[in-house]
Protein backbone atom coordinates (compact mmCIF):
# COMPACT_ATOMS: atom_id res chain seq x y z
CA UNK A 1 65.35 112.12 85.17
CA UNK A 2 67.40 113.02 82.40
CA UNK A 3 69.90 110.79 80.07
CA UNK A 4 72.46 114.06 79.74
CA UNK A 5 75.81 112.34 80.15
CA UNK A 6 77.70 115.13 82.12
CA UNK A 7 75.20 117.63 83.05
CA UNK A 8 71.51 118.13 83.22
CA UNK A 9 70.00 121.20 82.28
CA UNK A 10 68.83 123.57 85.00
CA UNK A 11 65.77 125.05 83.25
CA UNK A 12 64.30 121.79 82.89
CA UNK A 13 64.01 120.97 86.87
CA UNK A 14 61.66 122.28 89.01
CA UNK A 15 61.29 119.80 91.79
CA UNK A 16 63.27 119.33 94.58
CA UNK A 17 64.78 115.99 93.96
CA UNK A 18 65.21 117.23 90.55
CA UNK A 19 67.02 120.14 91.59
CA UNK A 20 69.43 117.87 94.04
CA UNK A 21 70.21 115.53 91.42
CA UNK A 22 71.05 118.38 88.93
CA UNK A 23 74.09 119.42 91.39
CA UNK A 24 75.29 116.19 92.41
CA UNK A 25 79.05 114.66 91.52
CA UNK A 26 78.54 115.31 87.98
CA UNK A 27 81.93 114.57 86.63
CA UNK A 28 81.22 110.96 86.96
CA UNK A 29 77.59 110.55 85.02
CA UNK A 30 79.50 110.01 81.84
CA UNK A 31 80.22 107.10 82.87
CA UNK A 32 77.78 106.32 85.30
CA UNK A 33 74.02 108.03 83.78
CA UNK A 34 70.88 108.36 85.75
CA UNK A 35 69.23 105.77 83.15
CA UNK A 36 72.02 103.10 83.99
CA UNK A 37 70.49 103.92 87.89
CA UNK A 38 66.73 103.55 86.80
CA UNK A 39 67.78 100.70 84.59
CA UNK A 40 69.36 98.82 87.54
CA UNK A 41 66.19 99.35 89.59
CA UNK A 42 63.75 97.89 86.80
CA UNK A 43 65.98 95.06 86.10
CA UNK A 44 66.22 94.17 90.04
CA UNK A 45 62.74 94.43 90.41
CA UNK A 46 63.57 97.16 93.22
CA UNK A 47 60.59 99.14 93.02
CA UNK A 48 60.37 102.76 95.20
CA UNK A 49 58.08 105.99 96.15
CA UNK A 50 59.12 109.49 95.10
CA UNK A 51 60.95 110.16 98.23
CA UNK A 52 63.20 113.32 98.63
CA UNK A 53 66.20 110.61 98.70
CA UNK A 54 65.87 108.97 95.50
CA UNK A 55 67.80 105.94 93.81
CA UNK A 56 70.17 108.25 92.16
CA UNK A 57 71.22 110.26 95.18
CA UNK A 58 71.78 107.49 97.19
CA UNK A 59 73.95 105.78 94.56
CA UNK A 60 75.97 108.76 93.97
CA UNK A 61 75.89 109.71 97.85
CA UNK A 62 77.63 106.35 98.60
CA UNK A 63 80.43 106.57 94.88
CA UNK A 64 81.06 110.20 96.97
CA UNK A 65 81.39 108.77 100.37
CA UNK A 66 84.09 106.40 98.48
CA UNK A 67 86.21 109.11 97.02
CA UNK A 68 85.79 111.41 99.52
CA UNK A 69 88.63 112.24 101.88
CA UNK A 70 86.67 112.01 104.77
CA UNK A 71 86.03 108.27 105.73
CA UNK A 72 82.18 108.93 106.74
CA UNK A 73 79.00 108.34 105.15
CA UNK A 74 78.01 111.86 107.38
CA UNK A 75 80.28 113.77 105.84
CA UNK A 76 79.92 112.37 102.29
CA UNK A 77 76.05 113.90 102.86
CA UNK A 78 76.84 117.07 104.25
CA UNK A 79 79.01 117.80 100.85
CA UNK A 80 76.17 116.70 98.84
CA UNK A 81 73.74 119.03 100.73
CA UNK A 82 75.86 121.45 101.24
CA UNK A 83 76.79 122.03 97.49
CA UNK A 84 72.80 121.65 96.83
CA UNK A 85 71.95 124.42 99.29
CA UNK A 86 74.59 126.70 97.80
CA UNK A 87 72.89 126.38 94.23
CA UNK A 88 69.47 127.07 96.37
CA UNK A 89 69.66 128.82 99.06
CA UNK A 90 65.87 129.41 99.60
CA UNK A 91 66.26 125.41 100.40
CA UNK A 92 68.20 125.65 103.88
CA UNK A 93 67.72 123.83 106.82
CA UNK A 94 65.76 121.40 105.21
CA UNK A 95 68.32 118.31 105.06
CA UNK A 96 67.18 115.01 105.77
CA UNK A 97 68.22 113.24 108.76
CA UNK A 98 71.29 110.98 109.05
CA UNK A 99 68.91 108.47 109.93
CA UNK A 100 66.68 109.20 106.69
CA UNK A 101 70.02 109.08 104.90
CA UNK A 102 70.70 105.95 106.58
CA UNK A 103 67.18 104.63 105.80
CA UNK A 104 67.61 105.33 102.02
CA UNK A 105 71.27 103.05 101.47
CA UNK A 106 69.52 100.01 103.49
CA UNK A 107 66.60 100.51 100.64
CA UNK A 108 68.79 99.65 98.00
CA UNK A 109 69.04 95.91 97.53
CA UNK A 110 72.64 94.16 97.00
CA UNK A 111 71.63 92.75 93.74
CA UNK A 112 70.65 96.35 92.12
CA UNK A 113 74.82 97.33 93.66
CA UNK A 114 75.62 94.28 91.24
CA UNK A 115 73.72 95.45 88.55
CA UNK A 116 75.39 98.57 88.76
CA UNK A 117 78.88 97.37 89.32
CA UNK A 118 78.15 94.93 86.20
CA UNK A 119 77.59 98.19 83.71
CA UNK A 120 80.34 100.11 85.54
CA UNK A 121 82.62 97.34 84.36
CA UNK A 122 81.47 97.22 80.87
CA UNK A 123 82.45 100.45 80.21
CA UNK A 124 85.79 100.35 81.57
CA UNK A 125 86.14 96.91 79.69
CA UNK A 126 85.20 99.13 76.59
CA UNK A 127 87.79 101.29 77.30
CA UNK A 128 90.43 99.23 78.14
CA UNK A 129 90.72 97.23 74.71
CA UNK A 130 93.42 98.82 73.45
CA UNK A 131 95.39 98.54 76.49
CA UNK A 132 94.85 94.99 77.18
CA UNK A 133 96.57 92.50 75.23
CA UNK A 134 99.88 90.41 75.42
CA UNK A 135 100.36 88.24 72.40
CA UNK A 136 97.08 88.21 71.72
CA UNK A 137 96.23 87.16 75.67
CA UNK A 138 94.12 89.48 78.03
CA UNK A 139 96.21 89.50 80.87
CA UNK A 140 94.23 89.06 84.24
CA UNK A 141 94.88 89.44 87.69
CA UNK A 142 93.76 87.83 90.46
CA UNK A 143 94.77 87.74 94.72
CA UNK A 144 92.52 88.64 97.80
CA UNK A 145 92.72 90.59 100.76
CA UNK A 146 90.87 91.50 103.88
CA UNK A 147 89.14 94.59 105.03
CA UNK A 148 87.75 95.18 108.39
CA UNK A 149 84.51 96.39 110.41
CA UNK A 150 83.38 97.76 113.83
CA UNK A 151 83.20 94.56 116.23
CA UNK A 152 79.28 94.33 115.83
CA UNK A 153 78.33 90.62 117.48
CA UNK A 154 76.59 90.09 114.08
CA UNK A 155 79.48 90.91 112.03
CA UNK A 156 81.61 88.84 114.20
CA UNK A 157 78.82 85.86 113.49
CA UNK A 158 78.63 87.15 109.67
CA UNK A 159 82.28 87.37 109.04
CA UNK A 160 84.68 86.01 111.62
CA UNK A 161 87.65 87.56 113.54
CA UNK A 162 91.67 85.93 112.46
CA UNK A 163 93.42 83.84 114.65
CA UNK A 164 97.08 84.15 115.34
CA UNK A 165 99.64 83.57 117.72
CA UNK A 166 98.59 86.47 119.67
CA UNK A 167 95.08 85.15 119.99
CA UNK A 168 92.05 85.89 118.57
CA UNK A 169 91.79 89.30 117.01
CA UNK A 170 88.89 91.56 118.00
CA UNK A 171 87.36 93.15 114.84
CA UNK A 172 85.94 90.92 111.75
CA UNK A 173 87.17 90.47 108.99
CA UNK A 174 86.07 89.89 105.38
CA UNK A 175 87.79 88.31 102.83
CA UNK A 176 87.73 89.99 99.70
CA UNK A 177 89.01 88.74 96.36
CA UNK A 178 89.19 90.24 92.56
CA UNK A 179 89.91 89.96 89.18
CA UNK A 180 91.23 92.58 87.57
CA UNK A 181 93.22 93.61 83.94
CA UNK A 182 96.76 93.87 84.30
CA UNK A 183 96.78 96.56 81.66
CA UNK A 184 94.56 99.48 83.13
CA UNK A 185 93.48 97.88 86.96
CA UNK A 186 89.75 97.57 86.05
CA UNK A 187 87.90 95.43 88.66
CA UNK A 188 86.38 92.50 86.11
CA UNK A 189 84.46 90.95 89.16
CA UNK A 190 84.75 89.74 92.73
CA UNK A 191 83.79 88.09 95.46
CA UNK A 192 83.18 88.66 99.63
CA UNK A 193 83.30 85.38 101.90
CA UNK A 194 84.41 85.55 105.51
CA UNK A 195 87.70 85.53 106.64
CA UNK A 196 87.89 81.97 106.83
CA UNK A 197 87.29 81.38 103.11
CA UNK A 198 90.06 80.25 101.19
CA UNK A 199 91.31 82.76 98.23
CA UNK A 200 91.22 80.27 95.50
CA UNK A 201 87.54 79.03 96.63
CA UNK A 202 86.25 82.22 96.07
CA UNK A 203 87.51 83.01 93.12
CA UNK A 204 86.92 79.94 91.03
CA UNK A 205 83.02 80.19 90.55
CA UNK A 206 84.50 84.10 89.17
CA UNK A 207 86.63 82.73 86.25
CA UNK A 208 83.08 82.22 84.33
CA UNK A 209 83.27 85.58 83.79
CA UNK A 210 86.55 85.50 81.68
CA UNK A 211 87.32 85.20 78.15
CA UNK A 212 88.55 82.26 76.75
CA UNK A 213 92.24 82.77 75.86
CA UNK A 214 92.99 84.83 78.73
CA UNK A 215 95.92 84.68 80.84
CA UNK A 216 95.55 84.33 84.25
CA UNK A 217 98.33 85.51 86.50
CA UNK A 218 98.00 84.67 90.40
CA UNK A 219 100.64 84.10 93.36
CA UNK A 220 101.21 80.39 95.09
CA UNK A 221 97.28 80.56 96.33
CA UNK A 222 96.45 79.36 93.27
CA UNK A 223 99.31 77.30 92.23
CA UNK A 224 98.29 73.33 91.84
CA UNK A 225 98.28 70.94 89.55
CA UNK A 226 94.30 69.95 90.06
CA UNK A 227 93.97 73.93 89.61
CA UNK A 228 95.88 74.04 86.46
CA UNK A 229 93.34 71.63 85.13
CA UNK A 230 90.67 73.62 86.47
CA UNK A 231 91.92 76.70 84.20
CA UNK A 232 92.34 74.93 81.42
CA UNK A 233 89.18 73.74 81.18
CA UNK A 234 87.79 77.42 81.82
CA UNK A 235 89.77 77.76 78.28
CA UNK A 236 92.16 80.08 80.20
CA UNK A 237 96.02 80.07 80.09
CA UNK A 238 98.06 80.81 83.43
CA UNK A 239 101.00 82.00 85.13
CA UNK A 240 101.45 81.41 89.00
CA UNK A 241 105.07 80.74 90.89
CA UNK A 242 105.35 77.18 91.94
CA UNK A 243 103.93 75.99 95.14
CA UNK A 244 106.61 76.31 98.12
CA UNK A 245 106.14 72.38 98.70
CA UNK A 246 106.24 71.24 95.13
CA UNK A 247 109.93 69.43 94.33
CA UNK A 248 111.26 70.85 91.35
CA UNK A 249 113.90 68.34 90.79
CA UNK A 250 111.56 65.55 90.78
CA UNK A 251 109.12 66.68 88.14
CA UNK A 252 109.80 64.46 85.07
CA UNK A 253 111.37 66.43 81.95
CA UNK A 254 109.58 66.00 78.47
CA UNK A 255 111.33 68.93 76.56
CA UNK A 256 114.51 70.92 77.66
CA UNK A 257 114.40 74.64 76.03
CA UNK A 258 117.45 75.69 78.28
CA UNK A 259 118.95 76.10 81.82
CA UNK A 260 116.22 76.62 84.05
CA UNK A 261 113.39 76.14 81.61
CA UNK A 262 111.64 73.11 80.66
CA UNK A 263 108.36 71.16 80.20
CA UNK A 264 107.51 68.83 82.70
CA UNK A 265 104.97 66.47 83.96
CA UNK A 266 102.87 67.36 87.23
CA UNK A 267 101.46 64.63 89.03
CA UNK A 268 97.50 65.15 90.60
CA UNK A 269 97.32 64.12 94.11
CA UNK A 270 95.42 61.16 94.62
CA UNK A 271 93.10 62.73 96.99
CA UNK A 272 92.21 65.30 94.68
CA UNK A 273 91.34 62.53 91.83
CA UNK A 274 88.82 60.97 94.33
CA UNK A 275 87.66 63.93 95.11
CA UNK A 276 87.01 64.44 91.40
CA UNK A 277 87.12 61.48 89.45
CA UNK A 278 87.56 63.30 85.87
CA UNK A 279 90.90 64.43 86.63
CA UNK A 280 93.57 63.46 84.62
CA UNK A 281 96.48 61.44 86.60
CA UNK A 282 98.90 64.11 85.50
CA UNK A 283 99.36 67.74 83.28
CA UNK A 284 102.42 68.73 81.41
CA UNK A 285 103.36 72.67 81.98
CA UNK A 286 106.11 75.12 81.56
CA UNK A 287 108.44 75.61 84.53
CA UNK A 288 110.74 78.64 84.63
CA UNK A 289 113.17 79.46 87.04
CA UNK A 290 114.57 83.09 87.62
CA UNK A 291 116.77 85.24 90.10
CA UNK A 292 114.82 88.05 91.32
CA UNK A 293 115.32 90.34 93.79
CA UNK A 294 112.53 90.37 96.46
CA UNK A 295 111.98 92.59 99.70
CA UNK A 296 115.81 93.10 99.18
CA UNK A 297 117.13 89.97 98.57
CA UNK A 298 117.79 87.78 95.58
CA UNK A 299 116.00 84.87 95.30
CA UNK A 300 115.84 81.74 93.02
CA UNK A 301 112.18 81.65 92.15
CA UNK A 302 110.21 78.99 89.73
CA UNK A 303 107.20 80.09 87.60
CA UNK A 304 104.81 77.66 86.30
CA UNK A 305 102.79 78.12 82.78
CA UNK A 306 101.29 76.95 79.99
CA UNK A 307 102.56 78.99 77.67
CA UNK A 308 104.49 76.04 76.16
CA UNK A 309 105.80 77.48 72.98
CA UNK A 310 109.41 79.18 73.77
CA UNK A 311 109.67 80.45 70.50
CA UNK A 312 106.63 82.73 70.91
CA UNK A 313 106.74 82.80 74.40
CA UNK A 314 110.40 83.56 75.52
CA UNK A 315 111.11 82.85 79.20
CA UNK A 316 112.46 86.35 79.71
CA UNK A 317 109.39 87.89 78.68
CA UNK A 318 107.14 85.22 80.74
CA UNK A 319 109.44 86.24 83.95
CA UNK A 320 109.01 90.29 82.98
CA UNK A 321 105.11 89.60 82.28
CA UNK A 322 104.77 88.19 85.88
CA UNK A 323 106.21 91.19 87.65
CA UNK A 324 102.83 92.98 86.63
CA UNK A 325 101.02 90.55 89.30
CA UNK A 326 102.16 93.54 91.58
CA UNK A 327 99.72 96.00 90.07
CA UNK A 328 96.86 94.30 92.02
CA UNK A 329 98.71 94.69 95.13
CA UNK A 330 98.87 98.41 94.13
CA UNK A 331 94.65 98.39 93.43
CA UNK A 332 94.08 97.06 96.13
CA UNK A 333 95.54 99.75 98.07
CA UNK A 334 93.41 102.23 96.02
CA UNK A 335 90.63 100.68 97.09
CA UNK A 336 91.77 100.30 101.22
CA UNK A 337 93.84 103.74 101.27
CA UNK A 338 92.11 105.94 99.06
CA UNK A 339 89.00 104.72 98.85
CA UNK A 340 88.77 104.53 102.66
CA UNK A 341 87.82 100.65 102.84
CA UNK A 342 90.42 99.28 104.79
CA UNK A 343 88.21 99.67 107.87
CA UNK A 344 84.29 100.05 106.82
CA UNK A 345 81.66 102.08 108.54
CA UNK A 346 78.68 99.67 108.39
CA UNK A 347 76.72 98.42 110.99
CA UNK A 348 75.20 95.38 109.76
CA UNK A 349 76.28 92.40 107.11
CA UNK A 350 74.12 93.71 104.22
CA UNK A 351 75.55 97.51 104.74
CA UNK A 352 79.22 96.31 104.52
CA UNK A 353 78.69 94.06 101.58
CA UNK A 354 77.10 96.88 99.75
CA UNK A 355 79.76 99.31 101.32
CA UNK A 356 82.42 97.07 99.55
CA UNK A 357 80.49 96.46 95.96
CA UNK A 358 80.45 100.87 96.23
CA UNK A 359 83.96 101.15 97.11
CA UNK A 360 84.69 98.71 93.77
CA UNK A 361 81.98 100.56 91.66
CA UNK A 362 83.27 103.95 92.39
CA UNK A 363 87.34 102.83 91.40
CA UNK A 364 85.75 101.40 88.24
CA UNK A 365 84.22 104.61 87.36
CA UNK A 366 87.79 106.51 88.19
CA UNK A 367 89.65 104.19 86.77
CA UNK A 368 87.22 104.61 83.43
CA UNK A 369 87.20 108.40 83.72
CA UNK A 370 91.14 107.83 83.71
CA UNK A 371 90.90 105.98 80.50
CA UNK A 372 89.08 108.60 78.92
CA UNK A 373 92.09 110.82 79.64
CA UNK A 374 94.33 108.48 78.82
CA UNK A 375 93.48 107.75 75.40
CA UNK A 376 92.71 111.38 75.22
CA UNK A 377 96.31 112.67 76.09
CA UNK A 378 98.12 109.66 74.57
CA UNK A 379 99.48 108.14 77.64
CA UNK A 380 99.81 105.86 79.55
CA UNK A 381 96.65 104.36 82.02
CA UNK A 382 98.45 103.28 84.89
CA UNK A 383 101.09 106.02 84.85
CA UNK A 384 98.18 108.59 86.10
CA UNK A 385 98.14 109.46 89.44
CA UNK A 386 94.83 108.06 90.77
CA UNK A 387 94.93 110.36 94.01
CA UNK A 388 95.01 113.33 91.39
CA UNK A 389 92.10 112.09 88.99
CA UNK A 390 89.80 111.94 92.78
CA UNK A 391 90.83 115.92 93.05
CA UNK A 392 89.94 116.58 89.56
CA UNK A 393 86.74 114.82 89.52
CA UNK A 394 85.80 116.72 93.15
CA UNK A 395 87.08 119.93 91.47
CA UNK A 396 85.24 119.59 88.11
CA UNK A 397 81.91 118.46 89.51
CA UNK A 398 80.11 121.21 90.65
CA UNK A 399 81.19 123.64 87.50
CA UNK A 400 79.65 120.99 85.15
CA UNK A 401 76.68 121.08 87.06
CA UNK A 402 75.98 124.68 86.21
CA UNK A 403 77.77 125.80 83.41
CA UNK A 404 75.72 126.42 80.16
CA UNK A 405 75.13 123.21 78.16
CA UNK A 406 77.23 124.36 75.28
CA UNK A 407 79.88 124.37 77.46
CA UNK A 408 79.75 120.82 79.23
CA UNK A 409 82.07 119.27 76.68
CA UNK A 410 84.76 121.83 77.16
CA UNK A 411 85.06 121.44 80.67
CA UNK A 412 84.59 117.61 80.32
CA UNK A 413 87.66 117.98 78.04
CA UNK A 414 89.34 119.76 80.16
CA UNK A 415 88.98 117.59 83.12
CA UNK A 416 90.33 114.48 80.87
CA UNK A 417 93.48 117.02 79.91
CA UNK A 418 94.30 118.15 83.84
CA UNK A 419 93.89 114.31 84.46
CA UNK A 420 95.70 113.09 81.88
CA UNK A 421 98.73 115.43 82.51
CA UNK A 422 99.29 114.48 85.89
CA UNK A 423 101.55 111.41 85.30
CA UNK A 424 103.94 109.32 87.63
CA UNK A 425 107.27 108.82 87.58
CA UNK A 426 108.40 105.46 86.02
CA UNK A 427 110.12 103.27 89.34
CA UNK A 428 111.17 99.77 88.07
CA UNK A 429 112.07 97.95 91.42
CA UNK A 430 110.92 100.50 93.40
CA UNK A 431 111.66 98.77 97.14
CA UNK A 432 110.27 100.93 99.96
CA UNK A 433 110.03 99.48 103.77
CA UNK A 434 106.64 99.03 105.87
CA UNK A 435 107.60 101.13 108.62
CA UNK A 436 107.24 104.16 109.94
CA UNK A 437 108.93 107.61 110.71
CA UNK A 438 107.04 109.44 113.44
CA UNK A 439 106.01 107.65 116.61
CA UNK A 440 102.50 107.66 117.42
CA UNK A 441 101.05 109.13 120.33
CA UNK A 442 101.17 108.15 123.51
CA UNK A 443 97.73 106.86 124.42
CA UNK A 444 97.33 103.51 126.07
CA UNK A 445 94.49 101.66 123.96
CA UNK A 446 91.20 100.81 124.62
CA UNK A 447 92.00 96.91 124.45
CA UNK A 448 89.04 95.12 126.58
CA UNK A 449 86.54 97.50 126.68
CA UNK A 450 84.55 100.41 124.94
CA UNK A 451 84.72 103.79 125.08
CA UNK A 452 81.45 103.83 126.66
CA UNK A 453 82.29 101.31 129.65
CA UNK A 454 85.44 103.78 130.14
CA UNK A 455 83.42 106.33 130.42
CA UNK A 456 81.00 104.48 133.14
CA UNK A 457 83.87 103.32 135.07
CA UNK A 458 85.73 106.88 135.30
CA UNK A 459 82.99 108.97 135.86
CA UNK A 460 83.07 111.32 138.35
């Protein structure tokens, strides 16, 4: 397998597998080269026979399934195969079956995907360095979301379902938490758990991956006095909204900076101190008041932070910094909508976990290419269109597979220029309702039976 970062010279390949690898999704192989996949197999002890569907092809197939607009593994494979046969028409009609492709996906262990994710994560971090810092701190966002899947009993048992005022949900949900860089939205780490697992519980083990001095920004799910101690023990600074149950008026004020800006002593609940006797009885944190427009209404909110120096960290700059937390919500939209992870297709718990990892790796690959484009074009990486970047990667891949080796750098640079030239407008304070203007089709919902059961019940 070649280590060529973009394309593979066609004259060096004669076998079926080598020809197939040669023409598959070449636009991303500067970020995820073949050697990274082979090294992941070696590092995780994954041995494999020389099959028609190699680990390289399987990984590229799942990455393509994430970025291809059709939400289907089969569509991804058909696109790969049809592209291959268009270059080697004498191999027409020899496509492996859907079952063989599914078996190839199942053969790759989760630990291999984890190793690949870490490789891609490292590529993104290296290219993010010039966009990451705020007053010497790398800004990291933390949050969680849920993804759905089919109602297989095995998935229901593995992940659980939601229960609300309307009763128990029909479909299992997996909880996904991520840490990402605020300046580039590169995902640093993730955790997958059952629906009933808390976001903070899943997130805490991930904090070991952060660097000393990183500034963690999170919402009220991550706001508690004993959490703040935990962050500081990890060497992290933090900024969260104050917990909704916290009575600010009862906080003892130690240092007063101005109206709505003071350092106070926050006491730790005795119950948590009984569970962890190493916790101190209290800690000093800074409270900042702000009036913000949230969902169309002006609200008074309080922030809690470990950034105590008011000269180095003015209150208005901290308030502005917290607005970057919304970027992780945009990241979740990219994962769930643009990369089709809202409803997963896999039918087994391991398959679901691999599908999630593949989509997170795909997002980091796209983000890394966008960073290359931003650096080359001198633009803010968060202003580049994510959707157009997906289109450019798919469009440039065939030419990067077959152009002469001497032309590949120019073609790759052209792709970066095209990606960097599609900049979305700045829309500060943008507010959009979560509503639809077009009504849905007037078909009844299949609520208590499957399609197969409906067909059996209504068969003539």
